[in-house]
Amino acid sequence: MGVSSNIGVFLCLKCGDVHRALGQDISNVLSLTLDDWSDSDIDSMIEVGGNSYANSIYEAFLPKDHPKPKPDSPMEYRTKFIRAKYETQDFLKPSLRISSKAGLESTNSLNSVDNSFSSTSRKHAPEDTREFVGQLNITVVKGSGLAVRDMLTSDPYVVLSLGEQKAQTTVKASDLNPVWNEVLNLSVPRNYGPLKLEVYDHDTFSADDIMGEAEIDLKPMITAAMAFGDPSRHADMQIGRWFMTRDNCLLSDSIVNISSGKVKQEVYLKLQNVESGEMELELEWARLD
């Protein structure tokens, strides 16, 4: 017998094996008798309230024709079910279903946490700049394989836009693989659209040349942050995911985590409308009380 300390459920031996395969970022499996438990592990188990309460969340939208595994179910079906339940969150409550994957969200999922914090990913979303619900601290980590815009190189800098707000990094001279590690801050209005990223080549005597662009869907992170409340009360855990699809610029799924009492998300992007270039960012959310 074991437990998933971050999910807060008890596991049989067969399910425990599948949970271990998910990885600790999704399910941190501990033995009841053989492993050392930290205070945060104990607090997490107490806070969730056991299997019945966890299932009321993670199986809230379990289809009637999708039975739960039984003790004699094949391991293949058991694995498929557990991954759908915890990794892709197919059966999760709408208010906690954090993804941008087509077909995974219902219409109500945007409004079930709090209508006042609803968002839209339309390019021309209306913005109420008089009222903000949070702040994004965005670390522009680095770029790689950026496009050449001068003779042999470029002098890149990054501009981030959210509604009417803009923030800009410094210029990195003659560098197609620049490392910035610069933190830019933007306030998040009630009606927010996507975070827009643009990379430019700085020119002294002419207009700066575009070196690619990308859009970041903020909904998975902000909806997760609103649903889970004060992150300092939770142990480190995954709370959401922005899925890579053909329609976005992600290089891989982007995971939303609670880490050291803060809501964070690492984002790896392929720049659009350009011949080459990738960007790495780290987002951190802070709600305004």
C-alpha atoms as a PDB file:
ATOM      1  CA  MET A   1       0.000   0.000   0.000  1.00  0.00           C
ATOM      2  CA  GLY A   2       1.255   3.449  -0.876  1.00  0.00           C
ATOM      3  CA  VAL A   3       0.077   7.016  -1.435  1.00  0.00           C
ATOM      4  CA  SER A   4       0.447   9.834  -3.919  1.00  0.00           C
ATOM      5  CA  SER A   5       1.401  12.577  -1.504  1.00  0.00           C
ATOM      6  CA  ASN A   6       0.855  15.529  -3.851  1.00  0.00           C
ATOM      7  CA  ILE A   7      -2.494  14.240  -5.162  1.00  0.00           C
ATOM      8  CA  GLY A   8      -3.549  13.104  -1.684  1.00  0.00           C
ATOM      9  CA  VAL A   9      -4.787   9.561  -2.399  1.00  0.00           C
ATOM     10  CA  PHE A  10      -4.033   6.023  -1.227  1.00  0.00           C
ATOM     11  CA  LEU A  11      -2.875   3.554  -3.881  1.00  0.00           C
ATOM     12  CA  CYS A  12      -2.978  -0.200  -4.291  1.00  0.00           C
ATOM     13  CA  LEU A  13       0.212  -1.885  -5.488  1.00  0.00           C
ATOM     14  CA  LYS A  14      -0.916  -2.101  -9.125  1.00  0.00           C
ATOM     15  CA  CYS A  15      -2.009   1.527  -9.321  1.00  0.00           C
ATOM     16  CA  GLY A  16       1.126   2.578  -7.460  1.00  0.00           C
ATOM     17  CA  ASP A  17       3.289   1.167 -10.243  1.00  0.00           C
ATOM     18  CA  VAL A  18       1.422   3.233 -12.843  1.00  0.00           C
ATOM     19  CA  HIS A  19       1.638   6.382 -10.702  1.00  0.00           C
ATOM     20  CA  ARG A  20       5.409   5.961 -10.381  1.00  0.00           C
ATOM     21  CA  ALA A  21       5.657   5.847 -14.167  1.00  0.00           C
ATOM     22  CA  LEU A  22       3.881   9.208 -14.404  1.00  0.00           C
ATOM     23  CA  GLY A  23       6.830  10.913 -12.720  1.00  0.00           C
ATOM     24  CA  GLN A  24       7.062  12.868  -9.479  1.00  0.00           C
ATOM     25  CA  ASP A  25       5.915  16.115 -11.105  1.00  0.00           C
ATOM     26  CA  ILE A  26       2.497  14.494 -11.584  1.00  0.00           C
ATOM     27  CA  SER A  27       2.323  11.918  -8.787  1.00  0.00           C
ATOM     28  CA  ASN A  28       4.797  11.655  -5.912  1.00  0.00           C
ATOM     29  CA  VAL A  29       4.453   8.050  -4.716  1.00  0.00           C
ATOM     30  CA  LEU A  30       5.461   7.150  -1.167  1.00  0.00           C
ATOM     31  CA  SER A  31       5.297   3.914   0.795  1.00  0.00           C
ATOM     32  CA  LEU A  32       3.270   4.022   3.991  1.00  0.00           C
ATOM     33  CA  THR A  33       5.990   2.182   5.902  1.00  0.00           C
ATOM     34  CA  LEU A  34       9.258   2.280   3.955  1.00  0.00           C
ATOM     35  CA  ASP A  35       9.656   5.946   2.973  1.00  0.00           C
ATOM     36  CA  ASP A  36      10.392   8.998   5.088  1.00  0.00           C
ATOM     37  CA  TRP A  37       7.541  11.508   5.049  1.00  0.00           C
ATOM     38  CA  SER A  38       8.124  15.244   5.187  1.00  0.00           C
ATOM     39  CA  ASP A  39       5.772  17.614   6.989  1.00  0.00           C
ATOM     40  CA  SER A  40       4.544  18.890   3.624  1.00  0.00           C
ATOM     41  CA  ASP A  41       3.712  15.316   2.531  1.00  0.00           C
ATOM     42  CA  ILE A  42       1.586  14.838   5.651  1.00  0.00           C
ATOM     43  CA  ASP A  43      -0.071  18.246   5.321  1.00  0.00           C
ATOM     44  CA  SER A  44      -0.927  17.566   1.666  1.00  0.00           C
ATOM     45  CA  MET A  45      -2.627  14.266   2.498  1.00  0.00           C
ATOM     46  CA  ILE A  46      -4.640  15.889   5.281  1.00  0.00           C
ATOM     47  CA  GLU A  47      -5.602  18.884   3.167  1.00  0.00           C
ATOM     48  CA  VAL A  48      -6.942  16.852   0.228  1.00  0.00           C
ATOM     49  CA  GLY A  49      -9.050  14.625   2.476  1.00  0.00           C
ATOM     50  CA  GLY A  50      -8.490  11.209   0.916  1.00  0.00           C
ATOM     51  CA  ASN A  51      -9.615   9.239  -2.124  1.00  0.00           C
ATOM     52  CA  SER A  52     -13.320  10.069  -2.003  1.00  0.00           C
ATOM     53  CA  TYR A  53     -12.771  13.810  -2.110  1.00  0.00           C
ATOM     54  CA  ALA A  54      -9.999  13.563  -4.718  1.00  0.00           C
ATOM     55  CA  ASN A  55     -12.222  11.393  -6.912  1.00  0.00           C
ATOM     56  CA  SER A  56     -15.047  13.916  -6.646  1.00  0.00           C
ATOM     57  CA  ILE A  57     -12.693  16.330  -8.405  1.00  0.00           C
ATOM     58  CA  TYR A  58     -10.665  14.154 -10.768  1.00  0.00           C
ATOM     59  CA  GLU A  59     -13.656  11.990 -11.811  1.00  0.00           C
ATOM     60  CA  ALA A  60     -16.340  14.677 -11.840  1.00  0.00           C
ATOM     61  CA  PHE A  61     -16.786  14.272 -15.590  1.00  0.00           C
ATOM     62  CA  LEU A  62     -16.086  10.557 -15.934  1.00  0.00           C
ATOM     63  CA  PRO A  63     -18.282   9.224 -18.784  1.00  0.00           C
ATOM     64  CA  LYS A  64     -20.748   6.493 -17.848  1.00  0.00           C
ATOM     65  CA  ASP A  65     -19.320   4.248 -20.553  1.00  0.00           C
ATOM     66  CA  HIS A  66     -15.766   4.642 -19.182  1.00  0.00           C
ATOM     67  CA  PRO A  67     -15.637   2.237 -16.178  1.00  0.00           C
ATOM     68  CA  LYS A  68     -12.992   2.517 -13.495  1.00  0.00           C
ATOM     69  CA  PRO A  69     -10.370  -0.253 -13.367  1.00  0.00           C
ATOM     70  CA  LYS A  70     -11.199  -3.277 -11.224  1.00  0.00           C
ATOM     71  CA  PRO A  71      -8.707  -5.452  -9.306  1.00  0.00           C
ATOM     72  CA  ASP A  72      -8.573  -7.886 -12.257  1.00  0.00           C
ATOM     73  CA  SER A  73      -8.452  -5.258 -15.024  1.00  0.00           C
ATOM     74  CA  PRO A  74      -5.593  -5.554 -17.559  1.00  0.00           C
ATOM     75  CA  MET A  75      -2.585  -3.366 -16.817  1.00  0.00           C
ATOM     76  CA  GLU A  76      -2.948  -1.700 -20.221  1.00  0.00           C
ATOM     77  CA  TYR A  77      -6.447  -0.441 -19.361  1.00  0.00           C
ATOM     78  CA  ARG A  78      -5.397   0.522 -15.818  1.00  0.00           C
ATOM     79  CA  THR A  79      -2.511   2.587 -17.207  1.00  0.00           C
ATOM     80  CA  LYS A  80      -4.696   4.263 -19.827  1.00  0.00           C
ATOM     81  CA  PHE A  81      -7.302   5.219 -17.227  1.00  0.00           C
ATOM     82  CA  ILE A  82      -4.827   6.602 -14.687  1.00  0.00           C
ATOM     83  CA  ARG A  83      -3.023   8.666 -17.313  1.00  0.00           C
ATOM     84  CA  ALA A  84      -6.332  10.097 -18.537  1.00  0.00           C
ATOM     85  CA  LYS A  85      -7.347  10.881 -14.959  1.00  0.00           C
ATOM     86  CA  TYR A  86      -4.179  12.548 -13.685  1.00  0.00           C
ATOM     87  CA  GLU A  87      -1.868  13.334 -16.618  1.00  0.00           C
ATOM     88  CA  THR A  88      -4.264  14.732 -19.224  1.00  0.00           C
ATOM     89  CA  GLN A  89      -7.018  15.463 -16.648  1.00  0.00           C
ATOM     90  CA  ASP A  90      -9.798  14.270 -18.960  1.00  0.00           C
ATOM     91  CA  PHE A  91     -12.374  13.882 -16.178  1.00  0.00           C
ATOM     92  CA  LEU A  92     -11.512  16.911 -14.068  1.00  0.00           C
ATOM     93  CA  LYS A  93     -13.965  19.510 -12.789  1.00  0.00           C
ATOM     94  CA  PRO A  94     -14.369  22.305 -15.373  1.00  0.00           C
ATOM     95  CA  SER A  95     -13.099  24.857 -12.862  1.00  0.00           C
ATOM     96  CA  LEU A  96      -9.834  22.952 -12.540  1.00  0.00           C
ATOM     97  CA  ARG A  97      -9.468  21.588 -16.062  1.00  0.00           C
ATOM     98  CA  ILE A  98      -6.383  23.498 -17.162  1.00  0.00           C
ATOM     99  CA  SER A  99      -5.548  23.062 -20.819  1.00  0.00           C
ATOM    100  CA  SER A 100      -5.796  24.678 -24.217  1.00  0.00           C
ATOM    101  CA  LYS A 101      -6.232  21.364 -25.994  1.00  0.00           C
ATOM    102  CA  ALA A 102      -9.197  21.317 -28.350  1.00  0.00           C
ATOM    103  CA  GLY A 103     -12.087  19.285 -27.054  1.00  0.00           C
ATOM    104  CA  LEU A 104     -10.815  19.028 -23.501  1.00  0.00           C
ATOM    105  CA  GLU A 105     -12.677  21.993 -22.107  1.00  0.00           C
ATOM    106  CA  SER A 106     -16.390  22.650 -21.885  1.00  0.00           C
ATOM    107  CA  THR A 107     -17.941  26.051 -22.460  1.00  0.00           C
ATOM    108  CA  ASN A 108     -18.569  26.433 -18.726  1.00  0.00           C
ATOM    109  CA  SER A 109     -14.923  25.967 -17.802  1.00  0.00           C
ATOM    110  CA  LEU A 110     -14.164  29.632 -18.438  1.00  0.00           C
ATOM    111  CA  ASN A 111     -16.826  30.834 -16.018  1.00  0.00           C
ATOM    112  CA  SER A 112     -16.980  28.257 -13.253  1.00  0.00           C
ATOM    113  CA  VAL A 113     -14.119  29.627 -11.137  1.00  0.00           C
ATOM    114  CA  ASP A 114     -15.328  33.239 -11.110  1.00  0.00           C
ATOM    115  CA  ASN A 115     -17.023  35.126 -13.920  1.00  0.00           C
ATOM    116  CA  SER A 116     -15.121  38.263 -13.010  1.00  0.00           C
ATOM    117  CA  PHE A 117     -11.862  36.558 -13.922  1.00  0.00           C
ATOM    118  CA  SER A 118     -12.967  35.189 -17.303  1.00  0.00           C
ATOM    119  CA  SER A 119     -10.634  35.527 -20.258  1.00  0.00           C
ATOM    120  CA  THR A 120     -10.574  35.285 -23.993  1.00  0.00           C
ATOM    121  CA  SER A 121      -7.864  34.172 -26.364  1.00  0.00           C
ATOM    122  CA  ARG A 122      -9.216  36.200 -29.301  1.00  0.00           C
ATOM    123  CA  LYS A 123      -6.604  38.428 -30.839  1.00  0.00           C
ATOM    124  CA  HIS A 124      -8.685  41.559 -30.352  1.00  0.00           C
ATOM    125  CA  ALA A 125      -9.962  40.887 -26.826  1.00  0.00           C
ATOM    126  CA  PRO A 126     -11.456  43.894 -25.027  1.00  0.00           C
ATOM    127  CA  GLU A 127      -9.377  45.095 -22.117  1.00  0.00           C
ATOM    128  CA  ASP A 128     -10.393  46.969 -18.982  1.00  0.00           C
ATOM    129  CA  THR A 129      -7.096  48.602 -18.091  1.00  0.00           C
ATOM    130  CA  ARG A 130      -8.609  50.313 -15.056  1.00  0.00           C
ATOM    131  CA  GLU A 131      -8.856  47.098 -13.079  1.00  0.00           C
ATOM    132  CA  PHE A 132      -6.222  44.412 -12.706  1.00  0.00           C
ATOM    133  CA  VAL A 133      -6.466  40.988 -11.098  1.00  0.00           C
ATOM    134  CA  GLY A 134      -2.816  39.974 -10.977  1.00  0.00           C
ATOM    135  CA  GLN A 135       0.740  40.489 -12.083  1.00  0.00           C
ATOM    136  CA  LEU A 136       2.948  38.437 -14.352  1.00  0.00           C
ATOM    137  CA  ASN A 137       6.667  38.318 -13.680  1.00  0.00           C
ATOM    138  CA  ILE A 138       8.121  37.036 -16.940  1.00  0.00           C
ATOM    139  CA  THR A 139      11.711  35.896 -17.096  1.00  0.00           C
ATOM    140  CA  VAL A 140      12.970  36.077 -20.666  1.00  0.00           C
ATOM    141  CA  VAL A 141      15.550  33.325 -20.321  1.00  0.00           C
ATOM    142  CA  LYS A 142      17.134  32.950 -23.725  1.00  0.00           C
ATOM    143  CA  GLY A 143      16.745  32.602 -27.463  1.00  0.00           C
ATOM    144  CA  SER A 144      18.355  30.053 -29.737  1.00  0.00           C
ATOM    145  CA  GLY A 145      18.922  29.773 -33.464  1.00  0.00           C
ATOM    146  CA  LEU A 146      17.528  33.237 -34.121  1.00  0.00           C
ATOM    147  CA  ALA A 147      17.307  34.563 -37.655  1.00  0.00           C
ATOM    148  CA  VAL A 148      20.050  36.604 -39.316  1.00  0.00           C
ATOM    149  CA  ARG A 149      18.990  40.166 -40.111  1.00  0.00           C
ATOM    150  CA  ASP A 150      22.367  41.904 -40.594  1.00  0.00           C
ATOM    151  CA  MET A 151      25.286  40.657 -42.687  1.00  0.00           C
ATOM    152  CA  LEU A 152      26.093  37.589 -40.608  1.00  0.00           C
ATOM    153  CA  THR A 153      24.263  38.039 -37.324  1.00  0.00           C
ATOM    154  CA  SER A 154      21.604  40.107 -35.502  1.00  0.00           C
ATOM    155  CA  ASP A 155      21.266  42.372 -32.478  1.00  0.00           C
ATOM    156  CA  PRO A 156      18.106  40.943 -30.891  1.00  0.00           C
ATOM    157  CA  TYR A 157      15.799  42.236 -28.194  1.00  0.00           C
ATOM    158  CA  VAL A 158      12.386  41.040 -27.011  1.00  0.00           C
ATOM    159  CA  VAL A 159       9.158  43.017 -26.645  1.00  0.00           C
ATOM    160  CA  LEU A 160       6.287  41.597 -24.568  1.00  0.00           C
ATOM    161  CA  SER A 161       2.775  43.027 -24.937  1.00  0.00           C
ATOM    162  CA  LEU A 162      -0.402  42.493 -22.948  1.00  0.00           C
ATOM    163  CA  GLY A 163      -3.186  44.773 -24.131  1.00  0.00           C
ATOM    164  CA  GLU A 164      -1.779  48.293 -24.155  1.00  0.00           C
ATOM    165  CA  GLN A 165       1.176  47.417 -21.922  1.00  0.00           C
ATOM    166  CA  LYS A 166       4.634  46.754 -23.280  1.00  0.00           C
ATOM    167  CA  ALA A 167       7.940  45.709 -21.729  1.00  0.00           C
ATOM    168  CA  GLN A 168      11.303  45.266 -23.425  1.00  0.00           C
ATOM    169  CA  THR A 169      14.598  43.508 -22.781  1.00  0.00           C
ATOM    170  CA  THR A 170      18.024  44.906 -23.448  1.00  0.00           C
ATOM    171  CA  VAL A 171      19.687  44.501 -26.842  1.00  0.00           C
ATOM    172  CA  LYS A 172      22.180  41.663 -27.244  1.00  0.00           C
ATOM    173  CA  ALA A 173      24.753  42.708 -29.804  1.00  0.00           C
ATOM    174  CA  SER A 174      25.780  40.235 -32.510  1.00  0.00           C
ATOM    175  CA  ASP A 175      24.176  37.193 -30.865  1.00  0.00           C
ATOM    176  CA  LEU A 176      21.928  34.585 -32.473  1.00  0.00           C
ATOM    177  CA  ASN A 177      21.782  32.582 -29.224  1.00  0.00           C
ATOM    178  CA  PRO A 178      21.284  35.354 -26.671  1.00  0.00           C
ATOM    179  CA  VAL A 179      20.900  34.752 -22.932  1.00  0.00           C
ATOM    180  CA  TRP A 180      18.920  37.467 -21.163  1.00  0.00           C
ATOM    181  CA  ASN A 181      17.615  36.113 -17.842  1.00  0.00           C
ATOM    182  CA  GLU A 182      15.780  39.423 -17.498  1.00  0.00           C
ATOM    183  CA  VAL A 183      12.517  39.779 -15.567  1.00  0.00           C
ATOM    184  CA  LEU A 184       9.751  41.883 -17.137  1.00  0.00           C
ATOM    185  CA  ASN A 185       6.570  42.762 -15.243  1.00  0.00           C
ATOM    186  CA  LEU A 186       3.071  43.198 -16.678  1.00  0.00           C
ATOM    187  CA  SER A 187      -0.252  43.694 -14.901  1.00  0.00           C
ATOM    188  CA  VAL A 188      -3.120  41.401 -15.901  1.00  0.00           C
ATOM    189  CA  PRO A 189      -6.511  43.086 -16.498  1.00  0.00           C
ATOM    190  CA  ARG A 190      -9.832  41.381 -15.801  1.00  0.00           C
ATOM    191  CA  ASN A 191     -10.459  40.813 -19.499  1.00  0.00           C
ATOM    192  CA  TYR A 192      -7.072  39.651 -20.682  1.00  0.00           C
ATOM    193  CA  GLY A 193      -5.983  38.369 -24.054  1.00  0.00           C
ATOM    194  CA  PRO A 194      -2.849  36.448 -25.009  1.00  0.00           C
ATOM    195  CA  LEU A 195       0.623  37.574 -24.045  1.00  0.00           C
ATOM    196  CA  LYS A 196       2.370  38.590 -27.257  1.00  0.00           C
ATOM    197  CA  LEU A 197       6.091  38.146 -27.789  1.00  0.00           C
ATOM    198  CA  GLU A 198       8.068  39.784 -30.586  1.00  0.00           C
ATOM    199  CA  VAL A 199      11.785  39.595 -31.308  1.00  0.00           C
ATOM    200  CA  TYR A 200      13.457  42.469 -33.164  1.00  0.00           C
ATOM    201  CA  ASP A 201      16.879  43.192 -34.596  1.00  0.00           C
ATOM    202  CA  HIS A 202      18.133  46.586 -33.438  1.00  0.00           C
ATOM    203  CA  ASP A 203      19.342  48.871 -36.211  1.00  0.00           C
ATOM    204  CA  THR A 204      20.989  52.237 -35.662  1.00  0.00           C
ATOM    205  CA  PHE A 205      20.185  53.956 -38.953  1.00  0.00           C
ATOM    206  CA  SER A 206      16.963  52.224 -40.053  1.00  0.00           C
ATOM    207  CA  ALA A 207      13.795  50.711 -38.634  1.00  0.00           C
ATOM    208  CA  ASP A 208      14.280  47.629 -36.489  1.00  0.00           C
ATOM    209  CA  ASP A 209      13.617  44.348 -38.322  1.00  0.00           C
ATOM    210  CA  ILE A 210      11.187  41.729 -36.971  1.00  0.00           C
ATOM    211  CA  MET A 211      12.800  38.397 -36.098  1.00  0.00           C
ATOM    212  CA  GLY A 212       9.685  36.406 -35.278  1.00  0.00           C
ATOM    213  CA  GLU A 213       6.721  36.439 -32.955  1.00  0.00           C
ATOM    214  CA  ALA A 214       4.606  34.184 -30.758  1.00  0.00           C
ATOM    215  CA  GLU A 215       1.465  34.270 -28.620  1.00  0.00           C
ATOM    216  CA  ILE A 216       1.168  32.752 -25.142  1.00  0.00           C
ATOM    217  CA  ASP A 217      -2.252  31.636 -23.906  1.00  0.00           C
ATOM    218  CA  LEU A 218      -2.465  32.811 -20.278  1.00  0.00           C
ATOM    219  CA  LYS A 219      -5.719  31.013 -19.533  1.00  0.00           C
ATOM    220  CA  PRO A 220      -4.221  27.701 -18.302  1.00  0.00           C
ATOM    221  CA  MET A 221      -2.005  29.442 -15.766  1.00  0.00           C
ATOM    222  CA  ILE A 222      -4.447  32.054 -14.506  1.00  0.00           C
ATOM    223  CA  THR A 223      -7.410  29.682 -14.294  1.00  0.00           C
ATOM    224  CA  ALA A 224      -5.295  27.217 -12.331  1.00  0.00           C
ATOM    225  CA  ALA A 225      -4.019  29.920 -10.009  1.00  0.00           C
ATOM    226  CA  MET A 226      -7.557  31.148  -9.320  1.00  0.00           C
ATOM    227  CA  ALA A 227      -8.858  27.639  -8.727  1.00  0.00           C
ATOM    228  CA  PHE A 228      -6.185  26.625  -6.234  1.00  0.00           C
ATOM    229  CA  GLY A 229      -6.136  29.897  -4.292  1.00  0.00           C
ATOM    230  CA  ASP A 230      -3.187  30.760  -2.080  1.00  0.00           C
ATOM    231  CA  PRO A 231      -0.256  28.720  -3.480  1.00  0.00           C
ATOM    232  CA  SER A 232       1.711  29.061  -0.243  1.00  0.00           C
ATOM    233  CA  ARG A 233      -0.768  26.657   1.354  1.00  0.00           C
ATOM    234  CA  HIS A 234       0.013  23.868  -1.109  1.00  0.00           C
ATOM    235  CA  ALA A 235       2.940  21.525  -1.512  1.00  0.00           C
ATOM    236  CA  ASP A 236       4.828  21.519  -4.799  1.00  0.00           C
ATOM    237  CA  MET A 237       2.547  20.007  -7.420  1.00  0.00           C
ATOM    238  CA  GLN A 238       1.349  20.227 -11.003  1.00  0.00           C
ATOM    239  CA  ILE A 239      -1.922  22.145 -11.267  1.00  0.00           C
ATOM    240  CA  GLY A 240      -2.350  22.661 -15.003  1.00  0.00           C
ATOM    241  CA  ARG A 241      -1.065  22.258 -18.518  1.00  0.00           C
ATOM    242  CA  TRP A 242      -1.061  24.169 -21.791  1.00  0.00           C
ATOM    243  CA  PHE A 243      -1.033  21.530 -24.515  1.00  0.00           C
ATOM    244  CA  MET A 244       1.080  21.754 -27.627  1.00  0.00           C
ATOM    245  CA  THR A 245      -1.128  21.672 -30.738  1.00  0.00           C
ATOM    246  CA  ARG A 246      -0.794  22.483 -34.416  1.00  0.00           C
ATOM    247  CA  ASP A 247      -2.493  25.795 -33.740  1.00  0.00           C
ATOM    248  CA  ASN A 248      -0.010  27.208 -31.234  1.00  0.00           C
ATOM    249  CA  CYS A 249       3.706  27.865 -31.119  1.00  0.00           C
ATOM    250  CA  LEU A 250       4.668  25.509 -28.275  1.00  0.00           C
ATOM    251  CA  LEU A 251       7.623  23.196 -28.727  1.00  0.00           C
ATOM    252  CA  SER A 252       6.276  20.935 -25.959  1.00  0.00           C
ATOM    253  CA  ASP A 253       3.442  20.871 -23.433  1.00  0.00           C
ATOM    254  CA  SER A 254       3.840  23.687 -20.921  1.00  0.00           C
ATOM    255  CA  ILE A 255       3.222  22.635 -17.309  1.00  0.00           C
ATOM    256  CA  VAL A 256       1.761  24.916 -14.644  1.00  0.00           C
ATOM    257  CA  ASN A 257       3.211  24.125 -11.214  1.00  0.00           C
ATOM    258  CA  ILE A 258       3.064  25.281  -7.661  1.00  0.00           C
ATOM    259  CA  SER A 259       6.723  25.506  -6.676  1.00  0.00           C
ATOM    260  CA  SER A 260       8.009  26.903  -3.383  1.00  0.00           C
ATOM    261  CA  GLY A 261       4.666  28.534  -2.723  1.00  0.00           C
ATOM    262  CA  LYS A 262       4.375  30.239  -6.112  1.00  0.00           C
ATOM    263  CA  VAL A 263       2.534  29.510  -9.359  1.00  0.00           C
ATOM    264  CA  LYS A 264       5.056  29.081 -12.159  1.00  0.00           C
ATOM    265  CA  GLN A 265       5.135  27.956 -15.778  1.00  0.00           C
ATOM    266  CA  GLU A 266       8.026  27.229 -18.129  1.00  0.00           C
ATOM    267  CA  VAL A 267       7.308  27.953 -21.791  1.00  0.00           C
ATOM    268  CA  TYR A 268       9.337  26.840 -24.802  1.00  0.00           C
ATOM    269  CA  LEU A 269       8.277  28.536 -28.040  1.00  0.00           C
ATOM    270  CA  LYS A 270       9.011  28.235 -31.740  1.00  0.00           C
ATOM    271  CA  LEU A 271       8.929  31.696 -33.263  1.00  0.00           C
ATOM    272  CA  GLN A 272       6.336  32.218 -35.998  1.00  0.00           C
ATOM    273  CA  ASN A 273       6.536  34.033 -39.356  1.00  0.00           C
ATOM    274  CA  VAL A 274      10.312  33.680 -39.506  1.00  0.00           C
ATOM    275  CA  GLU A 275      12.772  31.177 -40.909  1.00  0.00           C
ATOM    276  CA  SER A 276      14.171  30.061 -37.549  1.00  0.00           C
ATOM    277  CA  GLY A 277      14.293  30.772 -33.846  1.00  0.00           C
ATOM    278  CA  GLU A 278      13.171  29.479 -30.455  1.00  0.00           C
ATOM    279  CA  MET A 279      12.545  31.211 -27.124  1.00  0.00           C
ATOM    280  CA  GLU A 280      12.504  30.096 -23.495  1.00  0.00           C
ATOM    281  CA  LEU A 281      10.490  31.956 -20.853  1.00  0.00           C
ATOM    282  CA  GLU A 282       9.466  31.422 -17.237  1.00  0.00           C
ATOM    283  CA  LEU A 283       6.169  32.895 -16.027  1.00  0.00           C
ATOM    284  CA  GLU A 284       5.278  33.585 -12.406  1.00  0.00           C
ATOM    285  CA  TRP A 285       1.792  34.665 -11.339  1.00  0.00           C
ATOM    286  CA  ALA A 286       0.953  36.898  -8.376  1.00  0.00           C
ATOM    287  CA  ARG A 287      -2.685  37.644  -7.600  1.00  0.00           C
ATOM    288  CA  LEU A 288      -3.614  41.158  -6.505  1.00  0.00           C
ATOM    289  CA  ASP A 289      -5.632  41.103  -3.270  1.00  0.00           C
END
